[in-house]
Amino acid sequence: MVAKENLSSNSFTILRKFIFPLFIFVFFLPIFFLRYMRYPIEVNIQDSSVVFILILSFLLVYEIFSVRKLKKVGIAWEQGSLYISNFFSEIEVPKSNIAWIKCHRFNKPTYITISFTNRTKFGKTISFIPNSAITDLNPFKEHSVVKELNEWIKN
C-alpha cells in the first residue's frame, strides 16, 4: 500500500462537480418548465422571467463545462507519482509526465490545473480544488500547493 497525501478538497470537489449542477437541474429547471407549461408566454427579452431562465441556463452550462475536468488528486512524495481519481476510477501518473502546474487565483474556490506531456486517461489537463489554509486566500500570492508541486517536479 502506497502512502498518499490528499491534495484536493474532497468536499468542495464533490459539491462543485456533482451536487451544485444536480441541484440546479433538479430544483430550478422543473419549476420554470412547469410555470411555462401552465402560463405560456411569448418570448420577449424584456420579460424578466425569460431573462432569468436564460441566465440560469447559461449558469448550468457554464457549471457543467467548468467542472468536467475537476478531479480528486493525491500524491505519493517518495514514489514520485500523482494519483488522480474521477471518483469512479483512479490512475497513477509519474511526475516525469507533468508539464506545468498553474493556479487560477481569482476563482473562489481556487482551482489548480496540471498539464501533462503525454495524454492520460483523464486527458491532457486536469484541475482540482486544493485544501486551503488561511494564508492561501490572498489572490496575489501563489498557492502553497502550487509551490510544493513545482518544487517536487523540479527535483
Protein backbone atom coordinates (compact mmCIF):
# COMPACT_ATOMS: atom_id res chain seq x y z
CA MET A 1 0.00 0.00 0.00
CA VAL A 2 1.38 3.37 -1.02
CA ALA A 3 1.19 6.23 1.47
CA LYS A 4 -0.66 9.03 -0.34
CA GLU A 5 -1.30 12.57 0.79
CA ASN A 6 -4.59 14.04 -0.34
CA LEU A 7 -4.06 17.39 -2.11
CA SER A 8 -7.63 18.07 -3.14
CA SER A 9 -10.53 19.23 -1.04
CA ASN A 10 -12.96 16.35 -1.42
CA SER A 11 -15.93 18.24 -0.01
CA PHE A 12 -15.57 21.23 -2.38
CA THR A 13 -14.87 18.98 -5.36
CA ILE A 14 -17.95 16.84 -4.75
CA LEU A 15 -20.05 19.94 -4.13
CA ARG A 16 -18.91 21.68 -7.33
CA LYS A 17 -18.81 18.59 -9.55
CA PHE A 18 -21.97 16.73 -8.55
CA ILE A 19 -24.24 18.45 -6.04
CA PHE A 20 -24.45 22.02 -7.38
CA PRO A 21 -25.27 21.09 -11.03
CA LEU A 22 -27.70 18.42 -9.84
CA PHE A 23 -29.39 20.92 -7.53
CA ILE A 24 -29.84 23.40 -10.39
CA PHE A 25 -31.06 20.71 -12.75
CA VAL A 26 -33.46 19.01 -10.33
CA PHE A 27 -34.78 22.01 -8.44
CA PHE A 28 -34.80 25.11 -10.63
CA LEU A 29 -35.43 23.83 -14.13
CA PRO A 30 -38.64 21.88 -13.34
CA ILE A 31 -40.08 24.94 -11.60
CA PHE A 32 -39.61 27.04 -14.70
CA PHE A 33 -40.83 24.36 -17.10
CA LEU A 34 -43.98 23.87 -15.03
CA ARG A 35 -44.51 27.60 -14.95
CA TYR A 36 -44.29 27.87 -18.74
CA MET A 37 -46.50 24.87 -19.34
CA ARG A 38 -49.15 26.41 -17.13
CA TYR A 39 -48.79 30.03 -18.25
CA PRO A 40 -47.18 30.11 -21.68
CA ILE A 41 -45.80 33.47 -22.71
CA GLU A 42 -44.33 34.92 -25.81
CA VAL A 43 -40.56 35.03 -25.92
CA ASN A 44 -39.95 38.62 -25.07
CA ILE A 45 -36.49 39.63 -23.94
CA GLN A 46 -37.97 42.33 -21.73
CA ASP A 47 -39.88 39.75 -19.71
CA SER A 48 -37.86 39.24 -16.53
CA SER A 49 -38.64 35.53 -16.26
CA VAL A 50 -37.25 34.88 -19.76
CA VAL A 51 -34.07 36.72 -18.86
CA PHE A 52 -33.85 34.76 -15.61
CA ILE A 53 -34.24 31.44 -17.45
CA LEU A 54 -31.56 32.45 -19.96
CA ILE A 55 -29.18 33.37 -17.14
CA LEU A 56 -29.95 30.14 -15.26
CA SER A 57 -29.42 28.08 -18.41
CA PHE A 58 -26.09 29.81 -19.04
CA LEU A 59 -25.01 29.15 -15.44
CA LEU A 60 -25.91 25.47 -15.73
CA VAL A 61 -23.97 25.05 -18.98
CA TYR A 62 -21.01 27.01 -17.58
CA GLU A 63 -21.03 24.94 -14.39
CA ILE A 64 -21.08 21.65 -16.29
CA PHE A 65 -18.22 22.67 -18.59
CA SER A 66 -16.12 24.27 -15.86
CA VAL A 67 -16.24 21.28 -13.54
CA ARG A 68 -15.88 18.46 -16.07
CA LYS A 69 -12.09 18.35 -15.55
CA LEU A 70 -12.27 18.55 -11.74
CA LYS A 71 -10.60 15.53 -10.19
CA LYS A 72 -9.52 14.25 -6.81
CA VAL A 73 -5.72 14.37 -6.54
CA GLY A 74 -3.37 12.60 -4.17
CA ILE A 75 0.40 12.41 -4.15
CA ALA A 76 3.00 9.84 -3.12
CA TRP A 77 6.04 12.05 -2.44
CA GLU A 78 8.63 9.25 -2.11
CA GLN A 79 7.34 7.21 -5.04
CA GLY A 80 7.19 10.24 -7.35
CA SER A 81 3.60 9.75 -8.51
CA LEU A 82 0.33 11.62 -8.62
CA TYR A 83 -2.86 9.67 -8.03
CA ILE A 84 -5.81 11.11 -9.94
CA SER A 85 -9.38 9.98 -9.46
CA ASN A 86 -12.69 10.96 -11.01
CA PHE A 87 -14.44 9.30 -8.02
CA PHE A 88 -15.07 6.15 -10.10
CA SER A 89 -11.56 5.11 -11.17
CA GLU A 90 -8.04 6.07 -10.20
CA ILE A 91 -4.85 6.35 -12.24
CA GLU A 92 -1.21 6.80 -11.30
CA VAL A 93 0.80 9.42 -13.20
CA PRO A 94 4.59 9.71 -12.76
CA LYS A 95 5.95 13.18 -12.03
CA SER A 96 8.04 12.99 -15.22
CA ASN A 97 4.75 13.27 -17.17
CA ILE A 98 3.86 16.66 -15.60
CA ALA A 99 4.46 19.57 -18.00
CA TRP A 100 3.31 22.50 -15.85
CA ILE A 101 1.14 23.46 -12.89
CA LYS A 102 -0.94 26.63 -12.83
CA CYS A 103 -3.18 28.25 -10.24
CA HIS A 104 -6.37 30.15 -11.10
CA ARG A 105 -6.01 32.66 -8.28
CA PHE A 106 -9.10 34.77 -8.75
CA ASN A 107 -11.54 31.84 -8.84
CA LYS A 108 -13.06 31.09 -5.49
CA PRO A 109 -12.65 28.29 -4.62
CA THR A 110 -9.16 28.25 -6.15
CA TYR A 111 -8.58 25.80 -8.99
CA ILE A 112 -5.18 24.28 -9.74
CA THR A 113 -4.60 22.94 -13.25
CA ILE A 114 -2.00 20.31 -14.06
CA SER A 115 -0.95 19.73 -17.67
CA PHE A 116 0.77 16.53 -18.77
CA THR A 117 3.31 15.94 -21.52
CA ASN A 118 1.54 12.73 -22.59
CA ARG A 119 -2.20 12.22 -22.67
CA THR A 120 -3.65 10.33 -19.68
CA LYS A 121 -6.95 8.52 -19.25
CA PHE A 122 -8.45 11.82 -17.99
CA GLY A 123 -6.99 13.94 -20.78
CA LYS A 124 -4.00 16.22 -21.23
CA THR A 125 -5.04 18.58 -18.39
CA ILE A 126 -6.90 18.11 -15.12
CA SER A 127 -7.98 20.53 -12.40
CA PHE A 128 -8.57 20.16 -8.71
CA ILE A 129 -9.65 22.30 -5.77
CA PRO A 130 -6.83 22.22 -3.20
CA ASN A 131 -7.12 22.09 0.54
CA SER A 132 -6.59 25.71 1.51
CA ALA A 133 -5.07 27.39 4.50
CA ILE A 134 -5.94 30.91 5.60
CA THR A 135 -2.66 32.12 4.04
CA ASP A 136 -3.81 30.87 0.63
CA LEU A 137 -6.72 33.30 0.45
CA ASN A 138 -4.55 36.13 -0.91
CA PRO A 139 -5.23 36.21 -4.70
CA PHE A 140 -1.92 37.99 -5.40
CA LYS A 141 0.20 35.22 -3.86
CA GLU A 142 0.90 31.82 -5.37
CA HIS A 143 -0.98 28.99 -3.67
CA SER A 144 1.17 26.90 -1.30
CA VAL A 145 0.19 23.63 -3.04
CA VAL A 146 1.40 25.02 -6.39
CA LYS A 147 4.75 25.95 -4.79
CA GLU A 148 5.13 22.47 -3.28
CA LEU A 149 4.26 20.70 -6.53
CA ASN A 150 6.56 22.89 -8.66
CA GLU A 151 9.47 22.21 -6.27
CA TRP A 152 8.61 18.49 -6.31
CA ILE A 153 8.66 18.17 -10.12
CA LYS A 154 11.95 20.09 -10.39
CA ASN A 155 13.75 17.66 -8.04
